[in-house]
Amino acid sequence: MGNLAKALTGLAALAFVLAVTSHFVGPLVSTQAEAYSRASTNLALLAIALVLAFGDRVGVGRSV
């Protein structure tokens, strides 16, 4: 789940960059900046939820 959270965080960063770019340049592929901004927020929230739900289960069953 850690890799999935990292991938979602990367996609959220990409969506944020697209939102900023489309705000200054204009709509990219007829999509407004708000759509990229909302996608960035949703992907980041999914990554946070995955880390909170499955993050502390990584070391279960191992003695350190």
PDB file of N, CA and C in Angstrom:
ATOM      1  N   MET A   1       0.812  -1.197   0.000  1.00  0.00           N
ATOM      2  CA  MET A   1       0.000   0.000   0.000  1.00  0.00           C
ATOM      3  C   MET A   1       0.858   1.265   0.000  1.00  0.00           C
ATOM      4  N   GLY A   2       2.070   1.138   0.469  1.00  0.00           N
ATOM      5  CA  GLY A   2       2.953   2.295   0.490  1.00  0.00           C
ATOM      6  C   GLY A   2       3.262   2.799  -0.904  1.00  0.00           C
ATOM      7  N   ASN A   3       3.472   1.858  -1.829  1.00  0.00           N
ATOM      8  CA  ASN A   3       3.760   2.263  -3.212  1.00  0.00           C
ATOM      9  C   ASN A   3       2.550   2.928  -3.860  1.00  0.00           C
ATOM     10  N   LEU A   4       1.368   2.424  -3.532  1.00  0.00           N
ATOM     11  CA  LEU A   4       0.151   3.021  -4.081  1.00  0.00           C
ATOM     12  C   LEU A   4      -0.039   4.435  -3.544  1.00  0.00           C
ATOM     13  N   ALA A   5       0.250   4.635  -2.268  1.00  0.00           N
ATOM     14  CA  ALA A   5       0.140   5.978  -1.683  1.00  0.00           C
ATOM     15  C   ALA A   5       1.147   6.932  -2.324  1.00  0.00           C
ATOM     16  N   LYS A   6       2.350   6.442  -2.600  1.00  0.00           N
ATOM     17  CA  LYS A   6       3.353   7.282  -3.269  1.00  0.00           C
ATOM     18  C   LYS A   6       2.922   7.623  -4.689  1.00  0.00           C
ATOM     19  N   ALA A   7       2.330   6.664  -5.377  1.00  0.00           N
ATOM     20  CA  ALA A   7       1.859   6.917  -6.742  1.00  0.00           C
ATOM     21  C   ALA A   7       0.724   7.940  -6.736  1.00  0.00           C
ATOM     22  N   LEU A   8      -0.196   7.821  -5.784  1.00  0.00           N
ATOM     23  CA  LEU A   8      -1.288   8.787  -5.689  1.00  0.00           C
ATOM     24  C   LEU A   8      -0.769  10.178  -5.349  1.00  0.00           C
ATOM     25  N   THR A   9       0.245  10.240  -4.485  1.00  0.00           N
ATOM     26  CA  THR A   9       0.835  11.531  -4.144  1.00  0.00           C
ATOM     27  C   THR A   9       1.504  12.160  -5.366  1.00  0.00           C
ATOM     28  N   GLY A  10       2.185  11.348  -6.154  1.00  0.00           N
ATOM     29  CA  GLY A  10       2.795  11.849  -7.387  1.00  0.00           C
ATOM     30  C   GLY A  10       1.762  12.345  -8.382  1.00  0.00           C
ATOM     31  N   LEU A  11       0.675  11.610  -8.519  1.00  0.00           N
ATOM     32  CA  LEU A  11      -0.396  12.051  -9.416  1.00  0.00           C
ATOM     33  C   LEU A  11      -1.058  13.329  -8.906  1.00  0.00           C
ATOM     34  N   ALA A  12      -1.177  13.448  -7.587  1.00  0.00           N
ATOM     35  CA  ALA A  12      -1.743  14.674  -7.015  1.00  0.00           C
ATOM     36  C   ALA A  12      -0.839  15.864  -7.314  1.00  0.00           C
ATOM     37  N   ALA A  13       0.465  15.660  -7.211  1.00  0.00           N
ATOM     38  CA  ALA A  13       1.408  16.743  -7.526  1.00  0.00           C
ATOM     39  C   ALA A  13       1.312  17.125  -9.000  1.00  0.00           C
ATOM     40  N   LEU A  14       1.199  16.136  -9.881  1.00  0.00           N
ATOM     41  CA  LEU A  14       1.052  16.411 -11.311  1.00  0.00           C
ATOM     42  C   LEU A  14      -0.241  17.175 -11.595  1.00  0.00           C
ATOM     43  N   ALA A  15      -1.329  16.767 -10.959  1.00  0.00           N
ATOM     44  CA  ALA A  15      -2.602  17.465 -11.160  1.00  0.00           C
ATOM     45  C   ALA A  15      -2.522  18.896 -10.641  1.00  0.00           C
ATOM     46  N   PHE A  16      -1.793  19.109  -9.543  1.00  0.00           N
ATOM     47  CA  PHE A  16      -1.627  20.465  -9.027  1.00  0.00           C
ATOM     48  C   PHE A  16      -0.845  21.332 -10.009  1.00  0.00           C
ATOM     49  N   VAL A  17       0.219  20.781 -10.572  1.00  0.00           N
ATOM     50  CA  VAL A  17       1.009  21.531 -11.554  1.00  0.00           C
ATOM     51  C   VAL A  17       0.157  21.852 -12.785  1.00  0.00           C
ATOM     52  N   LEU A  18      -0.645  20.909 -13.224  1.00  0.00           N
ATOM     53  CA  LEU A  18      -1.543  21.166 -14.353  1.00  0.00           C
ATOM     54  C   LEU A  18      -2.566  22.242 -14.015  1.00  0.00           C
ATOM     55  N   ALA A  19      -3.053  22.256 -12.760  1.00  0.00           N
ATOM     56  CA  ALA A  19      -4.014  23.290 -12.357  1.00  0.00           C
ATOM     57  C   ALA A  19      -3.377  24.667 -12.392  1.00  0.00           C
ATOM     58  N   VAL A  20      -2.163  24.775 -11.876  1.00  0.00           N
ATOM     59  CA  VAL A  20      -1.480  26.077 -11.887  1.00  0.00           C
ATOM     60  C   VAL A  20      -1.177  26.499 -13.316  1.00  0.00           C
ATOM     61  N   THR A  21      -0.716  25.570 -14.126  1.00  0.00           N
ATOM     62  CA  THR A  21      -0.393  25.886 -15.519  1.00  0.00           C
ATOM     63  C   THR A  21      -1.634  26.323 -16.287  1.00  0.00           C
ATOM     64  N   SER A  22      -2.723  25.591 -16.125  1.00  0.00           N
ATOM     65  CA  SER A  22      -3.931  25.941 -16.872  1.00  0.00           C
ATOM     66  C   SER A  22      -4.556  27.232 -16.364  1.00  0.00           C
ATOM     67  N   HIS A  23      -4.271  27.602 -15.118  1.00  0.00           N
ATOM     68  CA  HIS A  23      -4.775  28.881 -14.619  1.00  0.00           C
ATOM     69  C   HIS A  23      -4.097  30.045 -15.326  1.00  0.00           C
ATOM     70  N   PHE A  24      -2.792  29.937 -15.528  1.00  0.00           N
ATOM     71  CA  PHE A  24      -2.055  31.034 -16.143  1.00  0.00           C
ATOM     72  C   PHE A  24      -2.088  30.991 -17.672  1.00  0.00           C
ATOM     73  N   VAL A  25      -2.082  29.796 -18.257  1.00  0.00           N
ATOM     74  CA  VAL A  25      -2.010  29.666 -19.708  1.00  0.00           C
ATOM     75  C   VAL A  25      -3.403  29.668 -20.325  1.00  0.00           C
ATOM     76  N   GLY A  26      -4.330  29.032 -19.674  1.00  0.00           N
ATOM     77  CA  GLY A  26      -5.674  28.868 -20.218  1.00  0.00           C
ATOM     78  C   GLY A  26      -6.035  27.399 -20.167  1.00  0.00           C
ATOM     79  N   PRO A  27      -7.250  27.071 -20.528  1.00  0.00           N
ATOM     80  CA  PRO A  27      -7.692  25.682 -20.445  1.00  0.00           C
ATOM     81  C   PRO A  27      -6.833  24.746 -21.312  1.00  0.00           C
ATOM     82  N   LEU A  28      -6.397  23.648 -20.717  1.00  0.00           N
ATOM     83  CA  LEU A  28      -5.664  22.613 -21.445  1.00  0.00           C
ATOM     84  C   LEU A  28      -6.647  21.510 -21.807  1.00  0.00           C
ATOM     85  N   VAL A  29      -6.723  21.179 -23.055  1.00  0.00           N
ATOM     86  CA  VAL A  29      -7.615  20.128 -23.560  1.00  0.00           C
ATOM     87  C   VAL A  29      -9.043  20.391 -23.082  1.00  0.00           C
ATOM     88  N   SER A  30      -9.440  21.651 -23.146  1.00  0.00           N
ATOM     89  CA  SER A  30     -10.782  22.118 -22.758  1.00  0.00           C
ATOM     90  C   SER A  30     -11.178  21.692 -21.346  1.00  0.00           C
ATOM     91  N   THR A  31     -10.214  21.649 -20.433  1.00  0.00           N
ATOM     92  CA  THR A  31     -10.468  21.347 -19.028  1.00  0.00           C
ATOM     93  C   THR A  31     -10.031  22.545 -18.200  1.00  0.00           C
ATOM     94  N   GLN A  32     -10.892  22.994 -17.320  1.00  0.00           N
ATOM     95  CA  GLN A  32     -10.601  24.178 -16.519  1.00  0.00           C
ATOM     96  C   GLN A  32      -9.674  23.837 -15.356  1.00  0.00           C
ATOM     97  N   ALA A  33      -9.075  24.856 -14.770  1.00  0.00           N
ATOM     98  CA  ALA A  33      -8.134  24.674 -13.666  1.00  0.00           C
ATOM     99  C   ALA A  33      -8.803  24.054 -12.448  1.00  0.00           C
ATOM    100  N   GLU A  34     -10.074  24.332 -12.242  1.00  0.00           N
ATOM    101  CA  GLU A  34     -10.765  23.791 -11.078  1.00  0.00           C
ATOM    102  C   GLU A  34     -10.843  22.271 -11.114  1.00  0.00           C
ATOM    103  N   ALA A  35     -10.939  21.708 -12.286  1.00  0.00           N
ATOM    104  CA  ALA A  35     -11.001  20.251 -12.409  1.00  0.00           C
ATOM    105  C   ALA A  35      -9.681  19.608 -11.988  1.00  0.00           C
ATOM    106  N   TYR A  36      -8.567  20.194 -12.412  1.00  0.00           N
ATOM    107  CA  TYR A  36      -7.271  19.667 -12.003  1.00  0.00           C
ATOM    108  C   TYR A  36      -7.061  19.864 -10.504  1.00  0.00           C
ATOM    109  N   SER A  37      -7.498  21.001  -9.982  1.00  0.00           N
ATOM    110  CA  SER A  37      -7.357  21.272  -8.570  1.00  0.00           C
ATOM    111  C   SER A  37      -8.158  20.273  -7.740  1.00  0.00           C
ATOM    112  N   ARG A  38      -9.364  19.984  -8.162  1.00  0.00           N
ATOM    113  CA  ARG A  38     -10.198  19.015  -7.443  1.00  0.00           C
ATOM    114  C   ARG A  38      -9.597  17.617  -7.529  1.00  0.00           C
ATOM    115  N   ALA A  39      -9.068  17.263  -8.680  1.00  0.00           N
ATOM    116  CA  ALA A  39      -8.419  15.959  -8.831  1.00  0.00           C
ATOM    117  C   ALA A  39      -7.204  15.852  -7.921  1.00  0.00           C
ATOM    118  N   SER A  40      -6.433  16.920  -7.825  1.00  0.00           N
ATOM    119  CA  SER A  40      -5.263  16.930  -6.955  1.00  0.00           C
ATOM    120  C   SER A  40      -5.670  16.710  -5.506  1.00  0.00           C
ATOM    121  N   THR A  41      -6.703  17.399  -5.070  1.00  0.00           N
ATOM    122  CA  THR A  41      -7.177  17.259  -3.697  1.00  0.00           C
ATOM    123  C   THR A  41      -7.682  15.841  -3.432  1.00  0.00           C
ATOM    124  N   ASN A  42      -8.461  15.301  -4.342  1.00  0.00           N
ATOM    125  CA  ASN A  42      -9.016  13.962  -4.143  1.00  0.00           C
ATOM    126  C   ASN A  42      -7.922  12.895  -4.108  1.00  0.00           C
ATOM    127  N   LEU A  43      -6.927  12.996  -4.978  1.00  0.00           N
ATOM    128  CA  LEU A  43      -5.838  12.027  -4.979  1.00  0.00           C
ATOM    129  C   LEU A  43      -5.010  12.114  -3.697  1.00  0.00           C
ATOM    130  N   ALA A  44      -4.769  13.331  -3.229  1.00  0.00           N
ATOM    131  CA  ALA A  44      -4.021  13.493  -1.982  1.00  0.00           C
ATOM    132  C   ALA A  44      -4.800  12.924  -0.804  1.00  0.00           C
ATOM    133  N   LEU A  45      -6.100  13.133  -0.772  1.00  0.00           N
ATOM    134  CA  LEU A  45      -6.913  12.575   0.307  1.00  0.00           C
ATOM    135  C   LEU A  45      -6.938  11.052   0.267  1.00  0.00           C
ATOM    136  N   LEU A  46      -6.971  10.467  -0.923  1.00  0.00           N
ATOM    137  CA  LEU A  46      -6.897   9.005  -1.041  1.00  0.00           C
ATOM    138  C   LEU A  46      -5.560   8.481  -0.519  1.00  0.00           C
ATOM    139  N   ALA A  47      -4.477   9.167  -0.829  1.00  0.00           N
ATOM    140  CA  ALA A  47      -3.162   8.750  -0.344  1.00  0.00           C
ATOM    141  C   ALA A  47      -3.098   8.834   1.176  1.00  0.00           C
ATOM    142  N   ILE A  48      -3.633   9.903   1.748  1.00  0.00           N
ATOM    143  CA  ILE A  48      -3.649  10.040   3.206  1.00  0.00           C
ATOM    144  C   ILE A  48      -4.485   8.940   3.837  1.00  0.00           C
ATOM    145  N   ALA A  49      -5.632   8.644   3.252  1.00  0.00           N
ATOM    146  CA  ALA A  49      -6.490   7.593   3.793  1.00  0.00           C
ATOM    147  C   ALA A  49      -5.799   6.233   3.745  1.00  0.00           C
ATOM    148  N   LEU A  50      -5.083   5.935   2.656  1.00  0.00           N
ATOM    149  CA  LEU A  50      -4.375   4.666   2.567  1.00  0.00           C
ATOM    150  C   LEU A  50      -3.285   4.553   3.621  1.00  0.00           C
ATOM    151  N   VAL A  51      -2.548   5.636   3.837  1.00  0.00           N
ATOM    152  CA  VAL A  51      -1.483   5.602   4.838  1.00  0.00           C
ATOM    153  C   VAL A  51      -2.072   5.439   6.229  1.00  0.00           C
ATOM    154  N   LEU A  52      -3.164   6.131   6.515  1.00  0.00           N
ATOM    155  CA  LEU A  52      -3.779   6.014   7.833  1.00  0.00           C
ATOM    156  C   LEU A  52      -4.403   4.638   8.057  1.00  0.00           C
ATOM    157  N   ALA A  53      -4.991   4.072   7.021  1.00  0.00           N
ATOM    158  CA  ALA A  53      -5.667   2.790   7.166  1.00  0.00           C
ATOM    159  C   ALA A  53      -4.705   1.610   7.183  1.00  0.00           C
ATOM    160  N   PHE A  54      -3.662   1.648   6.351  1.00  0.00           N
ATOM    161  CA  PHE A  54      -2.798   0.489   6.204  1.00  0.00           C
ATOM    162  C   PHE A  54      -1.343   0.755   6.571  1.00  0.00           C
ATOM    163  N   GLY A  55      -1.012   1.952   6.966  1.00  0.00           N
ATOM    164  CA  GLY A  55       0.385   2.310   7.206  1.00  0.00           C
ATOM    165  C   GLY A  55       1.017   1.617   8.379  1.00  0.00           C
ATOM    166  N   ASP A  56       0.274   1.395   9.458  1.00  0.00           N
ATOM    167  CA  ASP A  56       0.871   0.795  10.644  1.00  0.00           C
ATOM    168  C   ASP A  56       0.788  -0.733  10.631  1.00  0.00           C
ATOM    169  N   ARG A  57       0.264  -1.332   9.580  1.00  0.00           N
ATOM    170  CA  ARG A  57       0.178  -2.794   9.487  1.00  0.00           C
ATOM    171  C   ARG A  57       1.371  -3.421   8.800  1.00  0.00           C
ATOM    172  N   VAL A  58       2.330  -2.624   8.407  1.00  0.00           N
ATOM    173  CA  VAL A  58       3.456  -3.141   7.645  1.00  0.00           C
ATOM    174  C   VAL A  58       4.305  -4.090   8.479  1.00  0.00           C
ATOM    175  N   GLY A  59       4.557  -3.744   9.729  1.00  0.00           N
ATOM    176  CA  GLY A  59       5.444  -4.537  10.568  1.00  0.00           C
ATOM    177  C   GLY A  59       4.744  -5.539  11.460  1.00  0.00           C
ATOM    178  N   VAL A  60       3.473  -5.813  11.266  1.00  0.00           N
ATOM    179  CA  VAL A  60       2.741  -6.733  12.127  1.00  0.00           C
ATOM    180  C   VAL A  60       3.258  -8.147  11.920  1.00  0.00           C
ATOM    181  N   GLY A  61       3.514  -8.844  13.006  1.00  0.00           N
ATOM    182  CA  GLY A  61       3.970 -10.221  12.938  1.00  0.00           C
ATOM    183  C   GLY A  61       5.474 -10.368  12.973  1.00  0.00           C
ATOM    184  N   ARG A  62       6.200  -9.319  12.901  1.00  0.00           N
ATOM    185  CA  ARG A  62       7.661  -9.372  12.947  1.00  0.00           C
ATOM    186  C   ARG A  62       8.135  -8.919  14.312  1.00  0.00           C
ATOM    187  N   SER A  63       9.136  -9.568  14.812  1.00  0.00           N
ATOM    188  CA  SER A  63       9.756  -9.092  16.054  1.00  0.00           C
ATOM    189  C   SER A  63      11.048  -8.382  15.680  1.00  0.00           C
ATOM    190  N   VAL A  64      11.215  -7.226  16.208  1.00  0.00           N
ATOM    191  CA  VAL A  64      12.381  -6.418  15.858  1.00  0.00           C
ATOM    192  C   VAL A  64      13.371  -6.417  16.990  1.00  0.00           C
TER     193      VAL A  64
END
